[in-house]
Amino acid sequence: MSDVPKPVQPDLEAISRNAAALAEGFGRMSASYLAPLEGKANGRGNANPSDEMGDITRTLGKVAETWMSDPQRAMAAQAQLSEAFMALWGSTWSRMQGEAPAPAIATDPKDKRFADPEWTTNPVFDFIKQSYLITARWAEGLVENAEGIDARTRHKAEFYLRQILAAYSPSNFVMTNPELLRHTLAENGENLVRGLKMLAEDIEAGGGELRVRQTDVTAFTFGVDVAVTPGEVVYRNDLMELLQYAPKTETVLKRPFLIVPPWINKFYILDLNPTKSLIGWMVSQGLTVFVISWVNPDERHRDKDFESYMREGIETAIDQIGIATG
């Protein structure tokens, strides 16, 4: 037990202050979520609701139907779950009596969610962890062993189940995560205030839907930290903008150069900063550089295919380069 951190003494005044901040944060988050819904109700927003939840229900419902159609197999599966929990209860009771029984279910050493020592040393958190693992692996077995469903439905069910199980992991909740609980007590809840503030900002950025940030969006400024080489848009259509960068040398190579970035990348991946800019280096060598900047596709582009990108993208860019350079 020596590797378990000692409990901290909470600052009641700080906790009270942070509780008020949490209440304010919940209000902001609710406003961020409800404002776009009000716009949709008034005809100002996108009126096409996502049917993802419906598809999840239908897909997992098909798995449930296969088990319910065979009561004997369903009862056997239920008995398997009950036996696993009985073994867990017995193991936990033995631990409370000072014994050291083997766990009812082993934890994957690669599972970083349960790396904190208290998930094992503390009988309460160990019970929570094993309860979750037993239920998760039992549910995964139901999908894997479901009879009479096609491969695509099984694949979708496995995907949806992984997301659901990951969301309901006890490591995601303050009161069932020993590491997070200690951290919250140590900071008197300030970490929760920061997290709620970031959640509200992510919902605002997503227009009412959660758009989890993957980087600090305020860390870069176009033309300063990224996209630093001077250029101009010389052509645009529904699929792309064509950017032109003039050479910085007295003599210029006759043939211009066209860069076509992958659809998943932005053009400025090639122009991050003065020391990491391929485009900047090319114009310093006397090249006239053109770059395609792809439009982020939306519902307007639903009928576009590979040929559209080829003809309206690359071929059109080549034609426009000929016009621009002669």
C-alpha atoms as a PDB file:
ATOM      1  CA  MET A   1       0.000   0.000   0.000  1.00  0.00           C
ATOM      2  CA  SER A   2       3.049   2.249   0.166  1.00  0.00           C
ATOM      3  CA  ASP A   3       2.757   3.188  -3.510  1.00  0.00           C
ATOM      4  CA  VAL A   4      -0.709   4.726  -2.994  1.00  0.00           C
ATOM      5  CA  PRO A   5      -0.551   8.532  -2.546  1.00  0.00           C
ATOM      6  CA  LYS A   6      -1.686   9.949   0.779  1.00  0.00           C
ATOM      7  CA  PRO A   7      -5.084  11.696   0.851  1.00  0.00           C
ATOM      8  CA  VAL A   8      -5.067  15.482   0.587  1.00  0.00           C
ATOM      9  CA  GLN A   9      -6.957  17.915   2.777  1.00  0.00           C
ATOM     10  CA  PRO A  10      -9.568  19.796   0.707  1.00  0.00           C
ATOM     11  CA  ASP A  11      -9.851  23.592   0.801  1.00  0.00           C
ATOM     12  CA  LEU A  12     -13.546  24.140   1.542  1.00  0.00           C
ATOM     13  CA  GLU A  13     -13.457  27.787   0.447  1.00  0.00           C
ATOM     14  CA  ALA A  14     -11.893  26.864  -2.892  1.00  0.00           C
ATOM     15  CA  ILE A  15     -14.376  24.023  -3.358  1.00  0.00           C
ATOM     16  CA  SER A  16     -17.288  26.423  -2.759  1.00  0.00           C
ATOM     17  CA  ARG A  17     -15.845  28.905  -5.240  1.00  0.00           C
ATOM     18  CA  ASN A  18     -15.293  26.224  -7.873  1.00  0.00           C
ATOM     19  CA  ALA A  19     -18.781  24.818  -7.328  1.00  0.00           C
ATOM     20  CA  ALA A  20     -20.200  28.223  -8.260  1.00  0.00           C
ATOM     21  CA  ALA A  21     -17.933  28.279 -11.320  1.00  0.00           C
ATOM     22  CA  LEU A  22     -19.178  24.813 -12.290  1.00  0.00           C
ATOM     23  CA  ALA A  23     -22.786  25.984 -12.075  1.00  0.00           C
ATOM     24  CA  GLU A  24     -21.925  28.911 -14.331  1.00  0.00           C
ATOM     25  CA  GLY A  25     -20.112  26.565 -16.709  1.00  0.00           C
ATOM     26  CA  PHE A  26     -23.133  24.261 -16.943  1.00  0.00           C
ATOM     27  CA  GLY A  27     -25.234  27.289 -17.860  1.00  0.00           C
ATOM     28  CA  ARG A  28     -22.833  28.280 -20.621  1.00  0.00           C
ATOM     29  CA  MET A  29     -22.671  24.717 -21.929  1.00  0.00           C
ATOM     30  CA  SER A  30     -26.468  24.468 -22.001  1.00  0.00           C
ATOM     31  CA  ALA A  31     -26.712  27.760 -23.865  1.00  0.00           C
ATOM     32  CA  SER A  32     -24.093  26.581 -26.380  1.00  0.00           C
ATOM     33  CA  TYR A  33     -26.092  23.411 -27.000  1.00  0.00           C
ATOM     34  CA  LEU A  34     -29.584  24.937 -27.092  1.00  0.00           C
ATOM     35  CA  ALA A  35     -28.873  27.997 -29.257  1.00  0.00           C
ATOM     36  CA  PRO A  36     -28.392  26.002 -32.497  1.00  0.00           C
ATOM     37  CA  LEU A  37     -31.497  23.946 -31.707  1.00  0.00           C
ATOM     38  CA  GLU A  38     -33.525  27.152 -31.412  1.00  0.00           C
ATOM     39  CA  GLY A  39     -32.161  28.238 -34.768  1.00  0.00           C
ATOM     40  CA  LYS A  40     -33.270  24.950 -36.323  1.00  0.00           C
ATOM     41  CA  ALA A  41     -36.727  25.322 -34.792  1.00  0.00           C
ATOM     42  CA  ASN A  42     -36.973  28.802 -36.335  1.00  0.00           C
ATOM     43  CA  GLY A  43     -35.846  27.553 -39.729  1.00  0.00           C
ATOM     44  CA  ARG A  44     -32.401  29.177 -39.530  1.00  0.00           C
ATOM     45  CA  GLY A  45     -30.326  26.035 -39.061  1.00  0.00           C
ATOM     46  CA  ASN A  46     -29.807  22.661 -40.600  1.00  0.00           C
ATOM     47  CA  ALA A  47     -33.092  20.809 -40.217  1.00  0.00           C
ATOM     48  CA  ASN A  48     -31.639  17.378 -41.022  1.00  0.00           C
ATOM     49  CA  PRO A  49     -31.167  15.557 -37.685  1.00  0.00           C
ATOM     50  CA  SER A  50     -28.575  12.826 -37.460  1.00  0.00           C
ATOM     51  CA  ASP A  51     -29.954   9.291 -37.605  1.00  0.00           C
ATOM     52  CA  GLU A  52     -26.848   7.776 -36.053  1.00  0.00           C
ATOM     53  CA  MET A  53     -28.604   6.912 -32.800  1.00  0.00           C
ATOM     54  CA  GLY A  54     -31.342   5.205 -34.755  1.00  0.00           C
ATOM     55  CA  ASP A  55     -28.796   3.135 -36.653  1.00  0.00           C
ATOM     56  CA  ILE A  56     -27.070   2.143 -33.406  1.00  0.00           C
ATOM     57  CA  THR A  57     -30.396   0.982 -31.956  1.00  0.00           C
ATOM     58  CA  ARG A  58     -31.323  -0.978 -35.082  1.00  0.00           C
ATOM     59  CA  THR A  59     -27.911  -2.613 -35.392  1.00  0.00           C
ATOM     60  CA  LEU A  60     -27.611  -3.717 -31.773  1.00  0.00           C
ATOM     61  CA  GLY A  61     -31.298  -4.653 -31.841  1.00  0.00           C
ATOM     62  CA  LYS A  62     -30.549  -7.202 -34.580  1.00  0.00           C
ATOM     63  CA  VAL A  63     -27.915  -8.779 -32.343  1.00  0.00           C
ATOM     64  CA  ALA A  64     -30.386  -8.937 -29.452  1.00  0.00           C
ATOM     65  CA  GLU A  65     -33.015 -10.514 -31.693  1.00  0.00           C
ATOM     66  CA  THR A  66     -30.715 -13.401 -32.602  1.00  0.00           C
ATOM     67  CA  TRP A  67     -30.240 -14.244 -28.937  1.00  0.00           C
ATOM     68  CA  MET A  68     -33.888 -13.799 -27.964  1.00  0.00           C
ATOM     69  CA  SER A  69     -34.925 -16.098 -30.814  1.00  0.00           C
ATOM     70  CA  ASP A  70     -33.107 -18.941 -29.027  1.00  0.00           C
ATOM     71  CA  PRO A  71     -34.160 -18.809 -25.336  1.00  0.00           C
ATOM     72  CA  GLN A  72     -31.850 -21.661 -24.379  1.00  0.00           C
ATOM     73  CA  ARG A  73     -28.750 -19.877 -25.691  1.00  0.00           C
ATOM     74  CA  ALA A  74     -29.929 -16.609 -24.119  1.00  0.00           C
ATOM     75  CA  MET A  75     -30.316 -18.283 -20.713  1.00  0.00           C
ATOM     76  CA  ALA A  76     -26.857 -19.845 -21.052  1.00  0.00           C
ATOM     77  CA  ALA A  77     -25.344 -16.442 -21.818  1.00  0.00           C
ATOM     78  CA  GLN A  78     -27.131 -14.906 -18.832  1.00  0.00           C
ATOM     79  CA  ALA A  79     -25.904 -17.722 -16.603  1.00  0.00           C
ATOM     80  CA  GLN A  80     -22.347 -17.112 -17.809  1.00  0.00           C
ATOM     81  CA  LEU A  81     -22.594 -13.462 -16.742  1.00  0.00           C
ATOM     82  CA  SER A  82     -24.077 -14.403 -13.364  1.00  0.00           C
ATOM     83  CA  GLU A  83     -21.294 -16.920 -12.719  1.00  0.00           C
ATOM     84  CA  ALA A  84     -18.644 -14.318 -13.501  1.00  0.00           C
ATOM     85  CA  PHE A  85     -20.182 -11.876 -11.018  1.00  0.00           C
ATOM     86  CA  MET A  86     -20.507 -14.571  -8.369  1.00  0.00           C
ATOM     87  CA  ALA A  87     -16.792 -15.253  -8.797  1.00  0.00           C
ATOM     88  CA  LEU A  88     -16.107 -11.527  -8.439  1.00  0.00           C
ATOM     89  CA  TRP A  89     -18.186 -11.276  -5.271  1.00  0.00           C
ATOM     90  CA  GLY A  90     -16.344 -14.267  -3.805  1.00  0.00           C
ATOM     91  CA  SER A  91     -12.960 -12.824  -4.729  1.00  0.00           C
ATOM     92  CA  THR A  92     -13.843  -9.427  -3.247  1.00  0.00           C
ATOM     93  CA  TRP A  93     -15.136 -11.008  -0.018  1.00  0.00           C
ATOM     94  CA  SER A  94     -11.887 -12.962   0.332  1.00  0.00           C
ATOM     95  CA  ARG A  95      -9.884  -9.759  -0.084  1.00  0.00           C
ATOM     96  CA  MET A  96     -11.934  -8.074   2.618  1.00  0.00           C
ATOM     97  CA  GLN A  97     -10.972 -10.959   4.912  1.00  0.00           C
ATOM     98  CA  GLY A  98      -7.290 -10.272   4.333  1.00  0.00           C
ATOM     99  CA  GLU A  99      -6.660 -12.971   1.736  1.00  0.00           C
ATOM    100  CA  ALA A 100      -5.058 -12.452  -1.685  1.00  0.00           C
ATOM    101  CA  PRO A 101      -7.230 -14.343  -4.214  1.00  0.00           C
ATOM    102  CA  ALA A 102      -6.700 -14.234  -7.943  1.00  0.00           C
ATOM    103  CA  PRO A 103      -8.880 -11.663  -9.734  1.00  0.00           C
ATOM    104  CA  ALA A 104     -12.097 -12.878 -11.292  1.00  0.00           C
ATOM    105  CA  ILE A 105     -10.966 -11.354 -14.585  1.00  0.00           C
ATOM    106  CA  ALA A 106      -7.479 -10.289 -15.629  1.00  0.00           C
ATOM    107  CA  THR A 107      -6.743  -6.734 -16.740  1.00  0.00           C
ATOM    108  CA  ASP A 108      -4.900  -6.253 -20.015  1.00  0.00           C
ATOM    109  CA  PRO A 109      -1.480  -4.774 -19.081  1.00  0.00           C
ATOM    110  CA  LYS A 110      -1.713  -2.569 -22.180  1.00  0.00           C
ATOM    111  CA  ASP A 111      -4.964  -0.976 -20.966  1.00  0.00           C
ATOM    112  CA  LYS A 112      -3.718   2.405 -19.730  1.00  0.00           C
ATOM    113  CA  ARG A 113      -7.122   3.305 -18.302  1.00  0.00           C
ATOM    114  CA  PHE A 114      -6.428   1.114 -15.271  1.00  0.00           C
ATOM    115  CA  ALA A 115      -2.703   1.748 -14.846  1.00  0.00           C
ATOM    116  CA  ASP A 116      -3.073   3.632 -11.556  1.00  0.00           C
ATOM    117  CA  PRO A 117      -2.097   1.355  -8.581  1.00  0.00           C
ATOM    118  CA  GLU A 118      -5.376   1.985  -6.742  1.00  0.00           C
ATOM    119  CA  TRP A 119      -7.317   0.170  -9.449  1.00  0.00           C
ATOM    120  CA  THR A 120      -5.686  -2.948  -7.982  1.00  0.00           C
ATOM    121  CA  THR A 121      -4.751  -2.116  -4.383  1.00  0.00           C
ATOM    122  CA  ASN A 122      -8.085  -0.574  -3.378  1.00  0.00           C
ATOM    123  CA  PRO A 123     -10.782  -3.286  -3.119  1.00  0.00           C
ATOM    124  CA  VAL A 124     -13.575  -0.855  -4.006  1.00  0.00           C
ATOM    125  CA  PHE A 125     -11.990   0.418  -7.205  1.00  0.00           C
ATOM    126  CA  ASP A 126     -10.792  -3.084  -8.050  1.00  0.00           C
ATOM    127  CA  PHE A 127     -14.402  -4.295  -7.785  1.00  0.00           C
ATOM    128  CA  ILE A 128     -15.608  -1.440 -10.022  1.00  0.00           C
ATOM    129  CA  LYS A 129     -12.901  -2.186 -12.578  1.00  0.00           C
ATOM    130  CA  GLN A 130     -13.580  -5.925 -12.686  1.00  0.00           C
ATOM    131  CA  SER A 131     -17.351  -5.381 -12.878  1.00  0.00           C
ATOM    132  CA  TYR A 132     -16.828  -3.214 -15.936  1.00  0.00           C
ATOM    133  CA  LEU A 133     -14.416  -5.665 -17.590  1.00  0.00           C
ATOM    134  CA  ILE A 134     -16.732  -8.625 -16.990  1.00  0.00           C
ATOM    135  CA  THR A 135     -19.709  -6.808 -18.486  1.00  0.00           C
ATOM    136  CA  ALA A 136     -17.682  -5.448 -21.422  1.00  0.00           C
ATOM    137  CA  ARG A 137     -16.203  -8.793 -22.424  1.00  0.00           C
ATOM    138  CA  TRP A 138     -19.550 -10.514 -21.996  1.00  0.00           C
ATOM    139  CA  ALA A 139     -21.200  -7.957 -24.318  1.00  0.00           C
ATOM    140  CA  GLU A 140     -18.394  -8.340 -26.856  1.00  0.00           C
ATOM    141  CA  GLY A 141     -18.960 -12.096 -26.765  1.00  0.00           C
ATOM    142  CA  LEU A 142     -22.661 -11.617 -27.523  1.00  0.00           C
ATOM    143  CA  VAL A 143     -21.812  -9.726 -30.714  1.00  0.00           C
ATOM    144  CA  GLU A 144     -19.033 -12.108 -31.704  1.00  0.00           C
ATOM    145  CA  ASN A 145     -21.163 -15.240 -31.201  1.00  0.00           C
ATOM    146  CA  ALA A 146     -24.478 -13.909 -32.528  1.00  0.00           C
ATOM    147  CA  GLU A 147     -25.891 -16.284 -35.130  1.00  0.00           C
ATOM    148  CA  GLY A 148     -27.745 -15.369 -38.280  1.00  0.00           C
ATOM    149  CA  ILE A 149     -26.421 -11.843 -38.876  1.00  0.00           C
ATOM    150  CA  ASP A 150     -24.393 -10.772 -41.894  1.00  0.00           C
ATOM    151  CA  ALA A 151     -20.763  -9.693 -41.683  1.00  0.00           C
ATOM    152  CA  ARG A 152     -21.528  -6.004 -42.247  1.00  0.00           C
ATOM    153  CA  THR A 153     -24.062  -5.883 -39.396  1.00  0.00           C
ATOM    154  CA  ARG A 154     -21.651  -7.695 -37.082  1.00  0.00           C
ATOM    155  CA  HIS A 155     -18.851  -5.270 -37.998  1.00  0.00           C
ATOM    156  CA  LYS A 156     -21.102  -2.264 -37.309  1.00  0.00           C
ATOM    157  CA  ALA A 157     -22.284  -3.772 -34.022  1.00  0.00           C
ATOM    158  CA  GLU A 158     -18.688  -4.337 -32.911  1.00  0.00           C
ATOM    159  CA  PHE A 159     -17.829  -0.736 -33.789  1.00  0.00           C
ATOM    160  CA  TYR A 160     -20.824   0.745 -31.975  1.00  0.00           C
ATOM    161  CA  LEU A 161     -20.286  -1.468 -28.943  1.00  0.00           C
ATOM    162  CA  ARG A 162     -16.653  -0.371 -28.655  1.00  0.00           C
ATOM    163  CA  GLN A 163     -17.739   3.270 -28.580  1.00  0.00           C
ATOM    164  CA  ILE A 164     -20.424   2.608 -25.967  1.00  0.00           C
ATOM    165  CA  LEU A 165     -18.121   0.564 -23.744  1.00  0.00           C
ATOM    166  CA  ALA A 166     -15.377   3.179 -24.002  1.00  0.00           C
ATOM    167  CA  ALA A 167     -17.831   5.926 -23.060  1.00  0.00           C
ATOM    168  CA  TYR A 168     -19.073   4.050 -19.981  1.00  0.00           C
ATOM    169  CA  SER A 169     -15.649   3.085 -18.671  1.00  0.00           C
ATOM    170  CA  PRO A 170     -15.365   3.918 -14.946  1.00  0.00           C
ATOM    171  CA  SER A 171     -12.124   5.734 -15.768  1.00  0.00           C
ATOM    172  CA  ASN A 172     -14.242   8.474 -17.384  1.00  0.00           C
ATOM    173  CA  PHE A 173     -16.075   9.489 -14.207  1.00  0.00           C
ATOM    174  CA  VAL A 174     -14.780  11.380 -11.200  1.00  0.00           C
ATOM    175  CA  MET A 175     -16.329   9.241  -8.481  1.00  0.00           C
ATOM    176  CA  THR A 176     -15.186   5.930 -10.008  1.00  0.00           C
ATOM    177  CA  ASN A 177     -11.662   6.904 -11.030  1.00  0.00           C
ATOM    178  CA  PRO A 178      -9.183   6.955  -8.117  1.00  0.00           C
ATOM    179  CA  GLU A 179      -6.561   8.942 -10.017  1.00  0.00           C
ATOM    180  CA  LEU A 180      -9.059  11.567 -11.143  1.00  0.00           C
ATOM    181  CA  LEU A 181     -10.639  11.665  -7.690  1.00  0.00           C
ATOM    182  CA  ARG A 182      -7.273  12.394  -6.061  1.00  0.00           C
ATOM    183  CA  HIS A 183      -6.499  15.013  -8.688  1.00  0.00           C
ATOM    184  CA  THR A 184      -9.861  16.697  -8.160  1.00  0.00           C
ATOM    185  CA  LEU A 185      -9.390  16.820  -4.399  1.00  0.00           C
ATOM    186  CA  ALA A 186      -5.847  18.125  -4.804  1.00  0.00           C
ATOM    187  CA  GLU A 187      -7.073  20.969  -7.045  1.00  0.00           C
ATOM    188  CA  ASN A 188     -10.279  21.534  -5.061  1.00  0.00           C
ATOM    189  CA  GLY A 189     -12.303  20.992  -8.227  1.00  0.00           C
ATOM    190  CA  GLU A 190     -10.514  23.556 -10.409  1.00  0.00           C
ATOM    191  CA  ASN A 191      -9.739  20.831 -12.975  1.00  0.00           C
ATOM    192  CA  LEU A 192     -13.483  20.246 -13.389  1.00  0.00           C
ATOM    193  CA  VAL A 193     -14.043  23.963 -13.960  1.00  0.00           C
ATOM    194  CA  ARG A 194     -11.376  24.011 -16.694  1.00  0.00           C
ATOM    195  CA  GLY A 195     -12.774  20.885 -18.294  1.00  0.00           C
ATOM    196  CA  LEU A 196     -16.334  22.210 -18.349  1.00  0.00           C
ATOM    197  CA  LYS A 197     -15.124  25.491 -19.853  1.00  0.00           C
ATOM    198  CA  MET A 198     -13.332  23.583 -22.624  1.00  0.00           C
ATOM    199  CA  LEU A 199     -16.426  21.420 -23.196  1.00  0.00           C
ATOM    200  CA  ALA A 200     -18.597  24.524 -23.646  1.00  0.00           C
ATOM    201  CA  GLU A 201     -16.049  25.970 -26.081  1.00  0.00           C
ATOM    202  CA  ASP A 202     -15.983  22.723 -28.091  1.00  0.00           C
ATOM    203  CA  ILE A 203     -19.789  22.717 -28.324  1.00  0.00           C
ATOM    204  CA  GLU A 204     -19.772  26.362 -29.418  1.00  0.00           C
ATOM    205  CA  ALA A 205     -17.129  25.574 -32.068  1.00  0.00           C
ATOM    206  CA  GLY A 206     -19.301  22.721 -33.337  1.00  0.00           C
ATOM    207  CA  GLY A 207     -22.435  24.851 -33.626  1.00  0.00           C
ATOM    208  CA  GLY A 208     -24.240  22.909 -30.913  1.00  0.00           C
ATOM    209  CA  GLU A 209     -22.499  19.589 -31.547  1.00  0.00           C
ATOM    210  CA  LEU A 210     -19.386  18.414 -29.703  1.00  0.00           C
ATOM    211  CA  ARG A 211     -16.274  19.108 -31.791  1.00  0.00           C
ATOM    212  CA  VAL A 212     -13.364  17.881 -29.685  1.00  0.00           C
ATOM    213  CA  ARG A 213     -10.288  20.049 -30.199  1.00  0.00           C
ATOM    214  CA  GLN A 214      -7.117  18.269 -31.242  1.00  0.00           C
ATOM    215  CA  THR A 215      -4.845  21.290 -30.940  1.00  0.00           C
ATOM    216  CA  ASP A 216      -4.823  24.841 -29.621  1.00  0.00           C
ATOM    217  CA  VAL A 217      -6.701  26.716 -32.345  1.00  0.00           C
ATOM    218  CA  THR A 218      -5.349  30.042 -31.071  1.00  0.00           C
ATOM    219  CA  ALA A 219      -1.702  28.987 -31.311  1.00  0.00           C
ATOM    220  CA  PHE A 220      -1.281  29.821 -34.999  1.00  0.00           C
ATOM    221  CA  THR A 221      -1.924  32.891 -37.122  1.00  0.00           C
ATOM    222  CA  PHE A 222      -2.054  32.683 -40.901  1.00  0.00           C
ATOM    223  CA  GLY A 223       0.828  34.567 -42.432  1.00  0.00           C
ATOM    224  CA  VAL A 224       2.752  34.580 -39.149  1.00  0.00           C
ATOM    225  CA  ASP A 225       3.104  31.007 -37.864  1.00  0.00           C
ATOM    226  CA  VAL A 226       1.606  29.126 -40.803  1.00  0.00           C
ATOM    227  CA  ALA A 227       1.121  29.872 -44.529  1.00  0.00           C
ATOM    228  CA  VAL A 228       3.916  32.433 -44.427  1.00  0.00           C
ATOM    229  CA  THR A 229       4.860  32.678 -48.113  1.00  0.00           C
ATOM    230  CA  PRO A 230       3.065  35.546 -49.931  1.00  0.00           C
ATOM    231  CA  GLY A 231       0.680  34.325 -52.618  1.00  0.00           C
ATOM    232  CA  GLU A 232      -2.685  35.066 -54.174  1.00  0.00           C
ATOM    233  CA  VAL A 233      -5.798  33.247 -55.307  1.00  0.00           C
ATOM    234  CA  VAL A 234      -5.933  33.361 -59.108  1.00  0.00           C
ATOM    235  CA  TYR A 235      -8.923  31.059 -59.659  1.00  0.00           C
ATOM    236  CA  ARG A 236     -11.659  29.289 -57.705  1.00  0.00           C
ATOM    237  CA  ASN A 237     -14.586  26.969 -58.394  1.00  0.00           C
ATOM    238  CA  ASP A 238     -16.829  24.622 -56.365  1.00  0.00           C
ATOM    239  CA  LEU A 239     -14.001  22.215 -55.521  1.00  0.00           C
ATOM    240  CA  MET A 240     -10.842  24.247 -55.125  1.00  0.00           C
ATOM    241  CA  GLU A 241      -8.930  27.497 -55.106  1.00  0.00           C
ATOM    242  CA  LEU A 242      -5.768  27.864 -57.179  1.00  0.00           C
ATOM    243  CA  LEU A 243      -2.982  29.756 -55.404  1.00  0.00           C
ATOM    244  CA  GLN A 244      -0.024  31.321 -57.198  1.00  0.00           C
ATOM    245  CA  TYR A 245       3.355  32.129 -55.645  1.00  0.00           C
ATOM    246  CA  ALA A 246       5.759  34.341 -57.595  1.00  0.00           C
ATOM    247  CA  PRO A 247       9.478  33.435 -57.731  1.00  0.00           C
ATOM    248  CA  LYS A 248      11.914  35.614 -55.775  1.00  0.00           C
ATOM    249  CA  THR A 249      14.781  35.428 -58.250  1.00  0.00           C
ATOM    250  CA  GLU A 250      15.752  37.646 -61.193  1.00  0.00           C
ATOM    251  CA  THR A 251      15.737  34.678 -63.582  1.00  0.00           C
ATOM    252  CA  VAL A 252      12.749  32.335 -63.593  1.00  0.00           C
ATOM    253  CA  LEU A 253      12.375  28.761 -64.733  1.00  0.00           C
ATOM    254  CA  LYS A 254      10.155  28.745 -67.806  1.00  0.00           C
ATOM    255  CA  ARG A 255       7.947  25.826 -66.782  1.00  0.00           C
ATOM    256  CA  PRO A 256       5.648  26.509 -63.780  1.00  0.00           C
ATOM    257  CA  PHE A 257       5.142  23.960 -61.027  1.00  0.00           C
ATOM    258  CA  LEU A 258       1.761  22.664 -59.762  1.00  0.00           C
ATOM    259  CA  ILE A 259       1.372  21.055 -56.333  1.00  0.00           C
ATOM    260  CA  VAL A 260      -1.741  18.916 -55.750  1.00  0.00           C
ATOM    261  CA  PRO A 261      -2.073  18.169 -52.004  1.00  0.00           C
ATOM    262  CA  PRO A 262      -4.032  15.122 -50.792  1.00  0.00           C
ATOM    263  CA  TRP A 263      -7.703  15.781 -50.098  1.00  0.00           C
ATOM    264  CA  ILE A 264      -7.164  15.182 -46.384  1.00  0.00           C
ATOM    265  CA  ASN A 265      -4.463  17.871 -46.066  1.00  0.00           C
ATOM    266  CA  LYS A 266      -4.530  21.632 -46.324  1.00  0.00           C
ATOM    267  CA  PHE A 267      -2.112  23.327 -48.701  1.00  0.00           C
ATOM    268  CA  TYR A 268      -0.307  25.067 -45.860  1.00  0.00           C
ATOM    269  CA  ILE A 269       1.175  21.778 -44.670  1.00  0.00           C
ATOM    270  CA  LEU A 270       3.823  22.683 -47.270  1.00  0.00           C
ATOM    271  CA  ASP A 271       4.226  26.229 -45.925  1.00  0.00           C
ATOM    272  CA  LEU A 272       4.335  25.961 -42.145  1.00  0.00           C
ATOM    273  CA  ASN A 273       6.986  28.576 -41.326  1.00  0.00           C
ATOM    274  CA  PRO A 274      10.053  30.179 -42.940  1.00  0.00           C
ATOM    275  CA  THR A 275      12.319  27.297 -41.887  1.00  0.00           C
ATOM    276  CA  LYS A 276       9.833  24.534 -42.777  1.00  0.00           C
ATOM    277  CA  SER A 277       8.315  25.798 -46.025  1.00  0.00           C
ATOM    278  CA  LEU A 278       8.703  23.786 -49.213  1.00  0.00           C
ATOM    279  CA  ILE A 279       6.825  26.481 -51.110  1.00  0.00           C
ATOM    280  CA  GLY A 280       9.127  29.197 -49.741  1.00  0.00           C
ATOM    281  CA  TRP A 281      12.191  27.219 -50.773  1.00  0.00           C
ATOM    282  CA  MET A 282      10.832  26.583 -54.289  1.00  0.00           C
ATOM    283  CA  VAL A 283      10.132  30.260 -55.044  1.00  0.00           C
ATOM    284  CA  SER A 284      13.604  31.107 -53.746  1.00  0.00           C
ATOM    285  CA  GLN A 285      14.979  28.764 -56.431  1.00  0.00           C
ATOM    286  CA  GLY A 286      13.214  30.582 -59.271  1.00  0.00           C
ATOM    287  CA  LEU A 287      10.091  28.453 -59.603  1.00  0.00           C
ATOM    288  CA  THR A 288       6.616  29.842 -60.283  1.00  0.00           C
ATOM    289  CA  VAL A 289       4.546  27.694 -57.917  1.00  0.00           C
ATOM    290  CA  PHE A 290       0.827  26.958 -58.083  1.00  0.00           C
ATOM    291  CA  VAL A 291      -0.977  25.037 -55.334  1.00  0.00           C
ATOM    292  CA  ILE A 292      -4.494  23.630 -55.199  1.00  0.00           C
ATOM    293  CA  SER A 293      -6.419  24.328 -51.980  1.00  0.00           C
ATOM    294  CA  TRP A 294      -9.325  21.885 -51.777  1.00  0.00           C
ATOM    295  CA  VAL A 295     -12.703  23.065 -50.486  1.00  0.00           C
ATOM    296  CA  ASN A 296     -14.041  21.296 -47.395  1.00  0.00           C
ATOM    297  CA  PRO A 297     -16.857  19.188 -48.919  1.00  0.00           C
ATOM    298  CA  ASP A 298     -20.421  19.457 -47.627  1.00  0.00           C
ATOM    299  CA  GLU A 299     -23.886  18.556 -48.886  1.00  0.00           C
ATOM    300  CA  ARG A 300     -23.319  20.649 -52.000  1.00  0.00           C
ATOM    301  CA  HIS A 301     -20.652  18.180 -53.107  1.00  0.00           C
ATOM    302  CA  ARG A 302     -22.611  14.969 -52.555  1.00  0.00           C
ATOM    303  CA  ASP A 303     -22.788  14.256 -56.306  1.00  0.00           C
ATOM    304  CA  LYS A 304     -19.101  14.910 -56.970  1.00  0.00           C
ATOM    305  CA  ASP A 305     -17.040  11.853 -57.856  1.00  0.00           C
ATOM    306  CA  PHE A 306     -13.395  11.091 -58.606  1.00  0.00           C
ATOM    307  CA  GLU A 307     -13.761  12.334 -62.165  1.00  0.00           C
ATOM    308  CA  SER A 308     -15.137  15.641 -60.868  1.00  0.00           C
ATOM    309  CA  TYR A 309     -12.022  16.169 -58.774  1.00  0.00           C
ATOM    310  CA  MET A 310      -9.837  15.246 -61.712  1.00  0.00           C
ATOM    311  CA  ARG A 311     -11.546  17.520 -64.264  1.00  0.00           C
ATOM    312  CA  GLU A 312     -12.657  20.415 -62.013  1.00  0.00           C
ATOM    313  CA  GLY A 313      -9.523  20.150 -59.904  1.00  0.00           C
ATOM    314  CA  ILE A 314      -6.297  19.085 -61.572  1.00  0.00           C
ATOM    315  CA  GLU A 315      -7.204  19.593 -65.244  1.00  0.00           C
ATOM    316  CA  THR A 316      -8.859  22.960 -64.594  1.00  0.00           C
ATOM    317  CA  ALA A 317      -5.827  24.055 -62.563  1.00  0.00           C
ATOM    318  CA  ILE A 318      -3.514  23.170 -65.454  1.00  0.00           C
ATOM    319  CA  ASP A 319      -5.703  25.157 -67.886  1.00  0.00           C
ATOM    320  CA  GLN A 320      -5.692  28.176 -65.558  1.00  0.00           C
ATOM    321  CA  ILE A 321      -1.912  27.992 -65.154  1.00  0.00           C
ATOM    322  CA  GLY A 322      -1.615  28.173 -68.933  1.00  0.00           C
ATOM    323  CA  ILE A 323      -3.790  31.313 -68.950  1.00  0.00           C
ATOM    324  CA  ALA A 324      -1.872  32.903 -66.064  1.00  0.00           C
ATOM    325  CA  THR A 325       1.630  32.245 -67.445  1.00  0.00           C
ATOM    326  CA  GLY A 326       1.084  32.138 -71.170  1.00  0.00           C
END
